[in-house]
Protein backbone atom coordinates (compact mmCIF):
# COMPACT_ATOMS: atom_id res chain seq x y z
CA MET A 1 154.98 128.68 63.67
CA HIS A 2 152.86 126.24 61.69
CA ILE A 3 154.11 124.72 58.44
CA ARG A 4 152.00 122.40 56.34
CA PRO A 5 152.47 120.89 52.88
CA SER A 6 150.19 121.98 50.05
CA SER A 7 148.70 118.49 50.06
CA ALA A 8 147.35 119.15 53.58
CA LEU A 9 145.63 122.28 52.31
CA ARG A 10 144.14 120.31 49.45
CA ASN A 11 143.20 117.20 51.48
CA ASP A 12 142.37 118.73 54.88
CA TYR A 13 141.18 122.26 54.26
CA THR A 14 138.88 122.14 57.28
CA GLY A 15 141.75 121.16 59.59
CA ILE A 16 144.00 123.91 58.22
CA SER A 17 141.18 126.45 58.55
CA GLU A 18 140.44 125.42 62.13
CA LEU A 19 144.15 125.60 63.03
CA ALA A 20 144.38 129.10 61.56
CA LYS A 21 141.31 130.24 63.50
CA SER A 22 142.34 128.66 66.81
CA SER A 23 145.98 129.77 66.70
CA GLY A 24 145.42 133.22 65.18
CA GLU A 25 148.76 132.74 63.44
CA PRO A 26 149.71 132.31 59.81
CA ILE A 27 150.14 128.81 58.44
CA PHE A 28 152.98 128.52 55.98
CA ILE A 29 152.21 126.26 53.03
CA THR A 30 155.05 124.44 51.28
CA ASN A 31 155.24 122.85 47.87
CA LYS A 32 157.94 120.20 47.40
CA GLY A 33 159.60 121.39 50.61
CA GLU A 34 159.84 125.03 49.55
CA GLY A 35 157.77 127.92 50.88
CA ASP A 36 154.84 128.61 48.58
CA GLY A 37 152.14 130.57 50.40
CA VAL A 38 150.57 131.65 53.65
CA PHE A 39 147.11 130.85 54.97
CA LEU A 40 145.47 133.19 57.52
CA SER A 41 142.07 133.28 59.13
CA MET A 42 139.99 136.31 58.17
CA ALA A 43 140.16 137.61 61.75
CA ALA A 44 143.96 137.42 61.81
CA PHE A 45 144.19 139.07 58.39
CA GLU A 46 141.88 141.92 59.43
CA GLU A 47 143.83 142.46 62.66
CA ARG A 48 147.11 142.67 60.75
CA GLU A 49 145.60 145.12 58.29
CA LYS A 50 144.35 147.25 61.20
CA GLN A 51 147.83 147.26 62.73
CA PHE A 52 149.38 148.26 59.39
CA ARG A 53 146.92 151.15 58.98
CA HIS A 54 147.65 152.33 62.53
CA ARG A 55 151.41 152.12 61.94
CA ASP A 56 151.02 154.13 58.71
CA LYS A 57 149.17 156.87 60.61
CA VAL A 58 151.81 157.01 63.33
CA TYR A 59 154.54 157.17 60.68
CA ALA A 60 152.74 159.97 58.81
CA ALA A 61 152.31 161.95 62.04
CA GLU A 62 155.98 161.54 62.92
CA MET A 63 157.06 162.63 59.43
CA SER A 64 154.78 165.65 59.73
CA ARG A 65 156.36 166.54 63.06
CA LEU A 66 159.88 166.12 61.68
CA ASN A 67 158.99 168.36 58.72
CA GLY A 68 158.16 171.16 61.14
CA ASP A 69 154.39 171.07 60.94
CA PRO A 70 152.73 172.58 64.02
CA VAL A 71 152.06 170.25 66.93
CA LEU A 72 149.79 170.53 69.96
CA THR A 73 150.64 169.98 73.59
CA GLN A 74 148.37 167.63 75.53
CA GLU A 75 146.78 170.63 77.21
CA GLU A 76 146.05 172.32 73.86
CA LEU A 77 144.56 169.12 72.51
CA ASP A 78 142.40 168.68 75.61
CA ALA A 79 141.11 172.27 75.28
CA ARG A 80 140.24 171.77 71.61
CA MET A 81 138.45 168.52 72.33
CA GLU A 82 136.44 170.19 75.12
CA GLU A 83 135.39 172.91 72.65
CA ILE A 84 134.24 170.29 70.16
CA PHE A 85 132.30 168.38 72.82
CA ARG A 86 130.66 171.54 74.12
CA ALA A 87 129.65 172.61 70.59
CA TYR A 88 128.22 169.15 69.90
CA GLU A 89 126.16 169.15 73.13
CA SER A 90 124.58 172.53 72.33
């Protein structure tokens, strides 16, 4: 975990940015010793967003299953995918 004061963000933005990119982790910014914000590289932010979207889809699928919506076995899914591939190749 990386913690830096807000003055470091103000005075050494390039260093904070490089640390965020090289570590891939959030950098916690403090103001007067208290937590104030978080700095992330764009790549780390996008990866976290991707993970959140994936988790939301898994959660929605599980809720659907628990609500009694129909589910497919692996064999049924494979057969449907083969049909789609065959139709696309034609």
